[in-house]
């Protein structure tokens, strides 16, 4: 089994670094994209296990990317975690996402959620959390 991929779509550089570290600690290979248009292109090329999705992105909003992910049969098993400070939009999209995390999001909070989403946990391949 190959290492699961987490696609982090977040335009805030500091947050994207925190998200990358948390997802990596949970056993994911990560890729970060800070622009909705580039994310759209990349989603046409890969099938990530998890997408961390900010809603307010340059060029193409996260809501549009969420609709695309949900409409693609090949991504039917992709878990989508909305990461936003916009509580109203989060509430409106809650039914379409697997999880909604309202910013600020802590490293530990995301890491622990990511460990639950990692398919390798079922096979026992994931190393234990560092102390």
Protein backbone atom coordinates (compact mmCIF):
# COMPACT_ATOMS: atom_id res chain seq x y z
CA UNK A 1 0.00 0.00 0.00
CA UNK A 2 1.34 3.45 -0.87
CA UNK A 3 1.49 6.25 1.65
CA UNK A 4 -1.76 8.25 1.66
CA UNK A 5 -1.67 11.77 0.24
CA UNK A 6 -3.06 14.84 1.97
CA UNK A 7 -3.66 17.81 -0.29
CA UNK A 8 -3.55 21.04 1.72
CA UNK A 9 -5.34 23.88 -0.04
CA UNK A 10 -4.65 26.91 2.14
CA UNK A 11 -3.49 30.39 1.08
CA UNK A 12 -2.11 31.41 4.49
CA UNK A 13 1.56 30.42 4.51
CA UNK A 14 1.86 30.02 8.28
CA UNK A 15 -1.26 27.87 8.52
CA UNK A 16 -0.23 25.75 5.56
CA UNK A 17 3.08 25.00 7.31
CA UNK A 18 1.29 23.98 10.52
CA UNK A 19 -1.16 21.85 8.54
CA UNK A 20 1.70 20.22 6.62
CA UNK A 21 3.53 19.34 9.83
CA UNK A 22 0.39 17.92 11.45
CA UNK A 23 -0.53 15.80 8.44
CA UNK A 24 3.04 14.55 8.07
CA UNK A 25 3.11 13.57 11.75
CA UNK A 26 -0.04 11.54 11.09
CA UNK A 27 1.69 9.58 8.32
CA UNK A 28 0.56 11.43 5.20
CA UNK A 29 2.61 12.57 2.24
CA UNK A 30 1.61 16.22 1.86
CA UNK A 31 1.29 18.68 -0.96
CA UNK A 32 0.37 22.31 -0.35
CA UNK A 33 -1.39 24.61 -2.79
CA UNK A 34 -2.21 28.25 -2.06
CA UNK A 35 -4.36 29.13 -5.09
CA UNK A 36 -7.77 27.79 -6.11
CA UNK A 37 -6.93 27.68 -9.81
CA UNK A 38 -3.79 25.60 -9.21
CA UNK A 39 -5.75 23.36 -6.83
CA UNK A 40 -8.32 22.75 -9.55
CA UNK A 41 -5.57 21.68 -11.95
CA UNK A 42 -3.93 19.42 -9.37
CA UNK A 43 -7.20 17.76 -8.40
CA UNK A 44 -7.55 16.71 -12.04
CA UNK A 45 -4.21 14.90 -11.75
CA UNK A 46 -4.27 13.18 -8.35
CA UNK A 47 -6.66 11.34 -6.07
CA UNK A 48 -5.79 12.43 -2.51
CA UNK A 49 -6.92 10.50 0.56
CA UNK A 50 -7.62 13.76 2.42
CA UNK A 51 -8.10 17.36 1.33
CA UNK A 52 -7.74 20.18 3.85
CA UNK A 53 -9.73 22.93 2.21
CA UNK A 54 -9.80 26.63 3.01
CA UNK A 55 -12.91 28.31 1.65
CA UNK A 56 -11.49 31.73 0.82
CA UNK A 57 -8.81 31.20 -1.82
CA UNK A 58 -7.43 33.29 -4.66
CA UNK A 59 -9.09 32.77 -8.08
CA UNK A 60 -11.45 29.86 -7.27
CA UNK A 61 -13.29 29.59 -3.95
CA UNK A 62 -12.99 26.48 -1.83
CA UNK A 63 -16.74 25.89 -2.14
CA UNK A 64 -16.29 25.31 -5.89
CA UNK A 65 -13.44 22.90 -5.25
CA UNK A 66 -15.59 21.02 -2.74
CA UNK A 67 -18.36 20.65 -5.34
CA UNK A 68 -15.82 19.29 -7.82
CA UNK A 69 -14.43 16.74 -5.35
CA UNK A 70 -17.91 15.55 -4.46
CA UNK A 71 -18.93 15.25 -8.12
CA UNK A 72 -15.93 13.14 -9.18
CA UNK A 73 -16.54 9.40 -8.83
CA UNK A 74 -12.79 8.72 -8.58
CA UNK A 75 -12.67 10.90 -5.45
CA UNK A 76 -15.67 9.32 -3.74
CA UNK A 77 -13.46 8.09 -0.90
CA UNK A 78 -11.55 11.37 -0.50
CA UNK A 79 -12.16 12.85 2.93
CA UNK A 80 -12.64 16.63 2.92
CA UNK A 81 -11.84 18.72 5.97
CA UNK A 82 -12.96 22.33 5.63
CA UNK A 83 -10.62 24.69 7.48
CA UNK A 84 -12.09 28.15 7.76
CA UNK A 85 -12.68 31.13 10.01
CA UNK A 86 -16.00 31.75 8.22
CA UNK A 87 -18.48 30.06 10.55
CA UNK A 88 -21.49 30.91 8.39
CA UNK A 89 -20.01 29.31 5.27
CA UNK A 90 -18.82 26.36 7.34
CA UNK A 91 -22.34 25.77 8.59
CA UNK A 92 -23.76 25.95 5.08
CA UNK A 93 -21.23 23.40 3.78
CA UNK A 94 -21.21 21.12 6.81
CA UNK A 95 -23.29 18.43 5.08
CA UNK A 96 -20.92 18.25 2.10
CA UNK A 97 -17.69 17.98 4.10
CA UNK A 98 -16.51 15.10 6.27
CA UNK A 99 -15.30 17.52 8.94
CA UNK A 100 -15.33 21.27 9.52
CA UNK A 101 -12.61 22.85 11.63
CA UNK A 102 -13.03 26.49 12.57
CA UNK A 103 -9.82 28.52 12.73
CA UNK A 104 -7.76 28.90 14.76
CA UNK A 105 -6.86 25.20 14.50
CA UNK A 106 -4.16 23.76 16.70
CA UNK A 107 -1.43 21.46 15.48
CA UNK A 108 -2.49 18.74 17.96
CA UNK A 109 -6.16 19.00 17.00
CA UNK A 110 -5.40 18.51 13.32
CA UNK A 111 -2.77 15.82 13.89
CA UNK A 112 -5.17 13.77 16.00
CA UNK A 113 -7.96 14.08 13.45
CA UNK A 114 -5.53 13.19 10.64
CA UNK A 115 -4.50 10.02 12.46
CA UNK A 116 -8.16 8.97 12.49
CA UNK A 117 -8.37 9.63 8.75
CA UNK A 118 -5.19 7.75 7.82
CA UNK A 119 -6.13 4.47 6.08
CA UNK A 120 -2.83 2.91 7.23
CA UNK A 121 -4.15 2.83 10.80
CA UNK A 122 -6.34 -0.09 9.77
CA UNK A 123 -3.27 -2.06 8.65
CA UNK A 124 -1.14 -1.09 11.64
CA UNK A 125 1.58 0.49 9.51
CA UNK A 126 1.55 3.90 11.15
CA UNK A 127 4.26 4.59 13.73
CA UNK A 128 3.21 5.71 17.23
CA UNK A 129 2.96 9.37 18.11
CA UNK A 130 6.21 10.95 19.26
CA UNK A 131 6.35 11.79 22.98
